[in-house]
Every structure is written in C-alpha cells, then in structure tokens.
PDB file of N, CA and C in Angstrom:
ATOM      1  N   MET A   1     -18.738 -51.898 -97.164  1.00  0.00           N
ATOM      2  CA  MET A   1     -17.370 -51.816 -96.318  1.00  0.00           C
ATOM      3  C   MET A   1     -16.860 -53.098 -96.139  1.00  0.00           C
ATOM      4  N   HIS A   2     -16.354 -53.921 -96.484  1.00  0.00           N
ATOM      5  CA  HIS A   2     -15.720 -55.555 -95.893  1.00  0.00           C
ATOM      6  C   HIS A   2     -14.378 -55.309 -95.640  1.00  0.00           C
ATOM      7  N   LYS A   3     -13.941 -55.943 -94.521  1.00  0.00           N
ATOM      8  CA  LYS A   3     -13.018 -55.904 -93.588  1.00  0.00           C
ATOM      9  C   LYS A   3     -12.126 -57.287 -93.846  1.00  0.00           C
ATOM     10  N   ASN A   4     -11.313 -57.444 -93.975  1.00  0.00           N
ATOM     11  CA  ASN A   4     -10.385 -58.220 -94.285  1.00  0.00           C
ATOM     12  C   ASN A   4      -9.722 -59.059 -92.481  1.00  0.00           C
ATOM     13  N   ILE A   5     -10.363 -60.189 -92.406  1.00  0.00           N
ATOM     14  CA  ILE A   5     -10.441 -61.017 -91.339  1.00  0.00           C
ATOM     15  C   ILE A   5      -9.374 -61.926 -91.504  1.00  0.00           C
ATOM     16  N   THR A   6      -9.071 -62.383 -92.466  1.00  0.00           N
ATOM     17  CA  THR A   6      -7.876 -63.261 -92.744  1.00  0.00           C
ATOM     18  C   THR A   6      -6.493 -63.170 -91.837  1.00  0.00           C
ATOM     19  N   PRO A   7      -6.145 -64.524 -91.033  1.00  0.00           N
ATOM     20  CA  PRO A   7      -5.345 -64.191 -90.130  1.00  0.00           C
ATOM     21  C   PRO A   7      -4.170 -63.987 -90.809  1.00  0.00           C
ATOM     22  N   GLN A   8      -3.207 -62.859 -90.493  1.00  0.00           N
ATOM     23  CA  GLN A   8      -1.866 -62.464 -90.919  1.00  0.00           C
ATOM     24  C   GLN A   8      -0.859 -63.309 -91.252  1.00  0.00           C
ATOM     25  N   LYS A   9       0.119 -63.849 -91.641  1.00  0.00           N
ATOM     26  CA  LYS A   9       1.178 -65.040 -91.595  1.00  0.00           C
ATOM     27  C   LYS A   9       2.114 -64.682 -90.703  1.00  0.00           C
ATOM     28  N   THR A  10       2.855 -64.812 -89.489  1.00  0.00           N
ATOM     29  CA  THR A  10       3.721 -64.051 -89.211  1.00  0.00           C
ATOM     30  C   THR A  10       5.064 -65.292 -89.296  1.00  0.00           C
ATOM     31  N   SER A  11       6.177 -65.406 -88.616  1.00  0.00           N
ATOM     32  CA  SER A  11       7.242 -65.977 -89.010  1.00  0.00           C
ATOM     33  C   SER A  11       7.444 -66.285 -87.206  1.00  0.00           C
ATOM     34  N   LEU A  12       6.995 -67.117 -86.664  1.00  0.00           N
ATOM     35  CA  LEU A  12       7.139 -67.222 -84.748  1.00  0.00           C
ATOM     36  C   LEU A  12       8.388 -68.085 -84.864  1.00  0.00           C
ATOM     37  N   PRO A  13       9.680 -68.286 -84.252  1.00  0.00           N
ATOM     38  CA  PRO A  13      10.809 -68.710 -84.194  1.00  0.00           C
ATOM     39  C   PRO A  13       9.887 -70.685 -83.400  1.00  0.00           C
ATOM     40  N   ARG A  14      10.740 -71.365 -83.874  1.00  0.00           N
ATOM     41  CA  ARG A  14      10.438 -72.303 -83.632  1.00  0.00           C
ATOM     42  C   ARG A  14      11.086 -72.527 -82.031  1.00  0.00           C
ATOM     43  N   PRO A  15       9.959 -74.077 -81.732  1.00  0.00           N
ATOM     44  CA  PRO A  15      10.301 -73.766 -79.861  1.00  0.00           C
ATOM     45  C   PRO A  15      11.828 -74.225 -79.639  1.00  0.00           C
ATOM     46  N   LEU A  16      12.587 -74.781 -80.227  1.00  0.00           N
ATOM     47  CA  LEU A  16      14.090 -74.539 -79.678  1.00  0.00           C
ATOM     48  C   LEU A  16      14.499 -73.454 -79.898  1.00  0.00           C
ATOM     49  N   THR A  17      14.306 -72.567 -80.822  1.00  0.00           N
ATOM     50  CA  THR A  17      15.002 -71.417 -81.107  1.00  0.00           C
ATOM     51  C   THR A  17      14.558 -70.691 -79.862  1.00  0.00           C
ATOM     52  N   LEU A  18      13.508 -70.456 -79.745  1.00  0.00           N
ATOM     53  CA  LEU A  18      12.933 -70.042 -78.100  1.00  0.00           C
ATOM     54  C   LEU A  18      13.597 -70.481 -77.043  1.00  0.00           C
ATOM     55  N   ILE A  19      13.441 -72.028 -76.714  1.00  0.00           N
ATOM     56  CA  ILE A  19      14.658 -72.433 -75.791  1.00  0.00           C
ATOM     57  C   ILE A  19      15.753 -71.591 -75.522  1.00  0.00           C
ATOM     58  N   LYS A  20      16.852 -71.722 -76.450  1.00  0.00           N
ATOM     59  CA  LYS A  20      17.719 -71.456 -76.960  1.00  0.00           C
ATOM     60  C   LYS A  20      18.107 -69.846 -76.707  1.00  0.00           C
ATOM     61  N   ASN A  21      17.444 -69.200 -76.643  1.00  0.00           N
ATOM     62  CA  ASN A  21      17.462 -67.664 -76.445  1.00  0.00           C
ATOM     63  C   ASN A  21      16.855 -66.996 -75.331  1.00  0.00           C
ATOM     64  N   MET A  22      16.230 -67.920 -74.454  1.00  0.00           N
ATOM     65  CA  MET A  22      15.588 -67.501 -73.060  1.00  0.00           C
ATOM     66  C   MET A  22      16.725 -67.289 -72.415  1.00  0.00           C
ATOM     67  N   GLY A  23      16.295 -66.663 -71.081  1.00  0.00           N
ATOM     68  CA  GLY A  23      17.592 -66.121 -70.426  1.00  0.00           C
ATOM     69  C   GLY A  23      17.579 -67.402 -69.250  1.00  0.00           C
ATOM     70  N   LEU A  24      17.783 -68.070 -69.636  1.00  0.00           N
ATOM     71  CA  LEU A  24      17.462 -69.407 -68.107  1.00  0.00           C
ATOM     72  C   LEU A  24      18.939 -70.593 -68.851  1.00  0.00           C
ATOM     73  N   ALA A  25      19.232 -71.168 -68.053  1.00  0.00           N
ATOM     74  CA  ALA A  25      19.990 -71.796 -68.627  1.00  0.00           C
ATOM     75  C   ALA A  25      19.183 -73.332 -68.962  1.00  0.00           C
ATOM     76  N   MET A  26      19.118 -73.913 -69.729  1.00  0.00           N
ATOM     77  CA  MET A  26      18.569 -75.130 -69.982  1.00  0.00           C
ATOM     78  C   MET A  26      19.111 -76.175 -70.639  1.00  0.00           C
ATOM     79  N   CYS A  27      19.207 -77.315 -70.397  1.00  0.00           N
ATOM     80  CA  CYS A  27      19.770 -78.721 -71.162  1.00  0.00           C
ATOM     81  C   CYS A  27      18.345 -79.983 -71.599  1.00  0.00           C
ATOM     82  N   ILE A  28      19.291 -80.329 -72.176  1.00  0.00           N
ATOM     83  CA  ILE A  28      18.557 -82.147 -72.668  1.00  0.00           C
ATOM     84  C   ILE A  28      18.902 -82.951 -72.602  1.00  0.00           C
ATOM     85  N   LEU A  29      18.465 -83.970 -71.668  1.00  0.00           N
ATOM     86  CA  LEU A  29      19.057 -85.232 -71.387  1.00  0.00           C
ATOM     87  C   LEU A  29      18.913 -86.842 -71.816  1.00  0.00           C
ATOM     88  N   ASP A  30      19.268 -87.443 -72.342  1.00  0.00           N
ATOM     89  CA  ASP A  30      18.715 -88.614 -72.450  1.00  0.00           C
ATOM     90  C   ASP A  30      18.716 -89.821 -71.557  1.00  0.00           C
ATOM     91  N   ARG A  31      18.027 -90.890 -71.406  1.00  0.00           N
ATOM     92  CA  ARG A  31      17.359 -91.695 -70.682  1.00  0.00           C
ATOM     93  C   ARG A  31      18.835 -91.826 -69.586  1.00  0.00           C
ATOM     94  N   GLU A  32      19.583 -91.992 -70.017  1.00  0.00           N
ATOM     95  CA  GLU A  32      21.247 -92.172 -69.334  1.00  0.00           C
ATOM     96  C   GLU A  32      21.736 -91.352 -68.617  1.00  0.00           C
ATOM     97  N   MET A  33      20.899 -90.313 -68.635  1.00  0.00           N
ATOM     98  CA  MET A  33      21.321 -88.751 -67.790  1.00  0.00           C
ATOM     99  C   MET A  33      22.294 -88.195 -68.129  1.00  0.00           C
ATOM    100  N   ARG A  34      22.673 -88.194 -69.743  1.00  0.00           N
ATOM    101  CA  ARG A  34      24.058 -87.736 -70.326  1.00  0.00           C
ATOM    102  C   ARG A  34      23.388 -86.252 -71.016  1.00  0.00           C
ATOM    103  N   LEU A  35      24.285 -85.352 -71.006  1.00  0.00           N
ATOM    104  CA  LEU A  35      23.650 -84.134 -72.089  1.00  0.00           C
ATOM    105  C   LEU A  35      23.472 -84.486 -73.155  1.00  0.00           C
ATOM    106  N   VAL A  36      23.154 -83.659 -73.774  1.00  0.00           N
ATOM    107  CA  VAL A  36      22.268 -83.960 -75.480  1.00  0.00           C
ATOM    108  C   VAL A  36      22.390 -82.681 -75.982  1.00  0.00           C
ATOM    109  N   TRP A  37      22.092 -81.433 -75.169  1.00  0.00           N
ATOM    110  CA  TRP A  37      21.956 -80.138 -75.648  1.00  0.00           C
ATOM    111  C   TRP A  37      21.817 -79.792 -74.938  1.00  0.00           C
ATOM    112  N   MET A  38      22.459 -77.976 -74.784  1.00  0.00           N
ATOM    113  CA  MET A  38      22.186 -76.874 -74.236  1.00  0.00           C
ATOM    114  C   MET A  38      22.442 -75.578 -74.886  1.00  0.00           C
ATOM    115  N   ASN A  39      21.779 -74.404 -73.982  1.00  0.00           N
ATOM    116  CA  ASN A  39      21.350 -73.193 -74.620  1.00  0.00           C
ATOM    117  C   ASN A  39      22.918 -72.684 -74.216  1.00  0.00           C
ATOM    118  N   ASN A  40      23.084 -71.349 -74.500  1.00  0.00           N
ATOM    119  CA  ASN A  40      24.130 -70.554 -74.630  1.00  0.00           C
ATOM    120  C   ASN A  40      24.322 -70.107 -73.189  1.00  0.00           C
ATOM    121  N   VAL A  41      22.807 -70.085 -72.307  1.00  0.00           N
ATOM    122  CA  VAL A  41      23.264 -69.780 -70.854  1.00  0.00           C
ATOM    123  C   VAL A  41      24.000 -70.712 -69.988  1.00  0.00           C
ATOM    124  N   PHE A  42      23.679 -72.107 -70.496  1.00  0.00           N
ATOM    125  CA  PHE A  42      23.713 -73.267 -70.006  1.00  0.00           C
ATOM    126  C   PHE A  42      25.625 -73.052 -70.086  1.00  0.00           C
ATOM    127  N   GLN A  43      25.940 -72.885 -71.354  1.00  0.00           N
ATOM    128  CA  GLN A  43      27.485 -73.254 -71.606  1.00  0.00           C
ATOM    129  C   GLN A  43      28.035 -72.009 -71.148  1.00  0.00           C
ATOM    130  N   ASP A  44      27.174 -70.913 -70.682  1.00  0.00           N
ATOM    131  CA  ASP A  44      28.067 -69.762 -69.959  1.00  0.00           C
ATOM    132  C   ASP A  44      28.594 -70.328 -68.364  1.00  0.00           C
ATOM    133  N   LEU A  45      27.884 -71.080 -67.833  1.00  0.00           N
ATOM    134  CA  LEU A  45      27.674 -71.451 -66.308  1.00  0.00           C
ATOM    135  C   LEU A  45      28.544 -72.420 -66.445  1.00  0.00           C
ATOM    136  N   PHE A  46      28.486 -73.668 -67.189  1.00  0.00           N
ATOM    137  CA  PHE A  46      28.757 -74.876 -67.261  1.00  0.00           C
ATOM    138  C   PHE A  46      29.923 -75.172 -67.902  1.00  0.00           C
ATOM    139  N   GLY A  47      30.209 -74.464 -69.127  1.00  0.00           N
ATOM    140  CA  GLY A  47      31.225 -74.558 -70.287  1.00  0.00           C
ATOM    141  C   GLY A  47      30.956 -74.942 -71.329  1.00  0.00           C
ATOM    142  N   SER A  48      31.704 -75.064 -72.388  1.00  0.00           N
ATOM    143  CA  SER A  48      31.159 -75.228 -73.778  1.00  0.00           C
ATOM    144  C   SER A  48      30.740 -76.638 -74.072  1.00  0.00           C
ATOM    145  N   SER A  49      30.202 -76.743 -74.741  1.00  0.00           N
ATOM    146  CA  SER A  49      28.804 -78.043 -75.287  1.00  0.00           C
ATOM    147  C   SER A  49      30.148 -79.310 -75.717  1.00  0.00           C
ATOM    148  N   GLU A  50      31.255 -78.678 -76.468  1.00  0.00           N
ATOM    149  CA  GLU A  50      32.053 -79.522 -77.024  1.00  0.00           C
ATOM    150  C   GLU A  50      32.668 -80.222 -75.417  1.00  0.00           C
ATOM    151  N   LYS A  51      32.888 -79.793 -74.502  1.00  0.00           N
ATOM    152  CA  LYS A  51      33.523 -80.224 -73.525  1.00  0.00           C
ATOM    153  C   LYS A  51      32.387 -81.459 -72.522  1.00  0.00           C
ATOM    154  N   ASN A  52      31.293 -80.856 -72.686  1.00  0.00           N
ATOM    155  CA  ASN A  52      30.614 -81.256 -72.079  1.00  0.00           C
ATOM    156  C   ASN A  52      29.452 -82.198 -72.176  1.00  0.00           C
ATOM    157  N   LEU A  53      28.853 -82.215 -74.114  1.00  0.00           N
ATOM    158  CA  LEU A  53      28.125 -83.284 -74.492  1.00  0.00           C
ATOM    159  C   LEU A  53      28.373 -84.520 -74.163  1.00  0.00           C
ATOM    160  N   GLY A  54      27.559 -85.385 -73.717  1.00  0.00           N
ATOM    161  CA  GLY A  54      27.973 -87.108 -73.681  1.00  0.00           C
ATOM    162  C   GLY A  54      28.107 -87.074 -72.197  1.00  0.00           C
ATOM    163  N   GLN A  55      28.479 -86.350 -71.426  1.00  0.00           N
ATOM    164  CA  GLN A  55      28.715 -86.377 -69.923  1.00  0.00           C
ATOM    165  C   GLN A  55      27.432 -86.293 -69.109  1.00  0.00           C
ATOM    166  N   HIS A  56      27.896 -86.969 -68.237  1.00  0.00           N
ATOM    167  CA  HIS A  56      26.086 -87.630 -67.366  1.00  0.00           C
ATOM    168  C   HIS A  56      26.201 -86.421 -66.457  1.00  0.00           C
ATOM    169  N   CYS A  57      24.767 -85.833 -65.918  1.00  0.00           N
ATOM    170  CA  CYS A  57      24.709 -84.226 -65.451  1.00  0.00           C
ATOM    171  C   CYS A  57      25.095 -84.841 -63.990  1.00  0.00           C
ATOM    172  N   PHE A  58      25.477 -85.614 -63.668  1.00  0.00           N
ATOM    173  CA  PHE A  58      25.558 -85.650 -62.367  1.00  0.00           C
ATOM    174  C   PHE A  58      27.208 -84.920 -62.100  1.00  0.00           C
ATOM    175  N   LYS A  59      27.989 -86.036 -63.037  1.00  0.00           N
ATOM    176  CA  LYS A  59      28.836 -85.604 -63.319  1.00  0.00           C
ATOM    177  C   LYS A  59      29.801 -83.825 -62.909  1.00  0.00           C
ATOM    178  N   LEU A  60      28.647 -83.103 -64.215  1.00  0.00           N
ATOM    179  CA  LEU A  60      28.851 -82.056 -64.476  1.00  0.00           C
ATOM    180  C   LEU A  60      28.588 -80.906 -63.281  1.00  0.00           C
ATOM    181  N   PHE A  61      27.191 -81.704 -62.185  1.00  0.00           N
ATOM    182  CA  PHE A  61      26.513 -80.953 -61.418  1.00  0.00           C
ATOM    183  C   PHE A  61      27.162 -80.860 -59.795  1.00  0.00           C
ATOM    184  N   HIS A  62      28.006 -81.863 -59.797  1.00  0.00           N
ATOM    185  CA  HIS A  62      28.473 -82.442 -58.358  1.00  0.00           C
ATOM    186  C   HIS A  62      29.073 -81.561 -57.908  1.00  0.00           C
ATOM    187  N   HIS A  63      30.188 -80.304 -58.552  1.00  0.00           N
ATOM    188  CA  HIS A  63      30.909 -79.804 -57.427  1.00  0.00           C
ATOM    189  C   HIS A  63      30.258 -78.180 -57.638  1.00  0.00           C
ATOM    190  N   ARG A  64      29.191 -77.921 -57.733  1.00  0.00           N
ATOM    191  CA  ARG A  64      27.648 -77.102 -58.149  1.00  0.00           C
ATOM    192  C   ARG A  64      27.311 -76.693 -56.773  1.00  0.00           C
TER     193      ARG A  64
END
C-alpha cells in the first residue's frame, strides 16, 4: 500500500491581500513620507484613499 505524500496545492492569498484584510490600520509611505497605499481599516480611521494618497503622513497624523 502506497501513501501519497505529494504536497497539495492551496491557493494562498498574496501578501498584499493579507495586509489589506487584516484588522489593523496599515499604510505604505514613500521616501518623502507620503502615503502611497492604505488598507480599509486605515481608510475607516483617517478617510478615503482618494483624499489622502500623496499627502505627507505628518499632515494626516498631526491632529490625532
């Protein structure tokens, strides 16, 4: 009797999908400290990505 030990392929989400769906507010900044990406939780806390993308993080966080 032979047992199949071949690893089964699973469809794992890409890292960005994992970050996007985490329960934590996360964003990505460029070298000039401008927002270039944010997940849904971050948008819920700080506003829509259309409004905030390209803004310097210190301007967004200043009054928080």
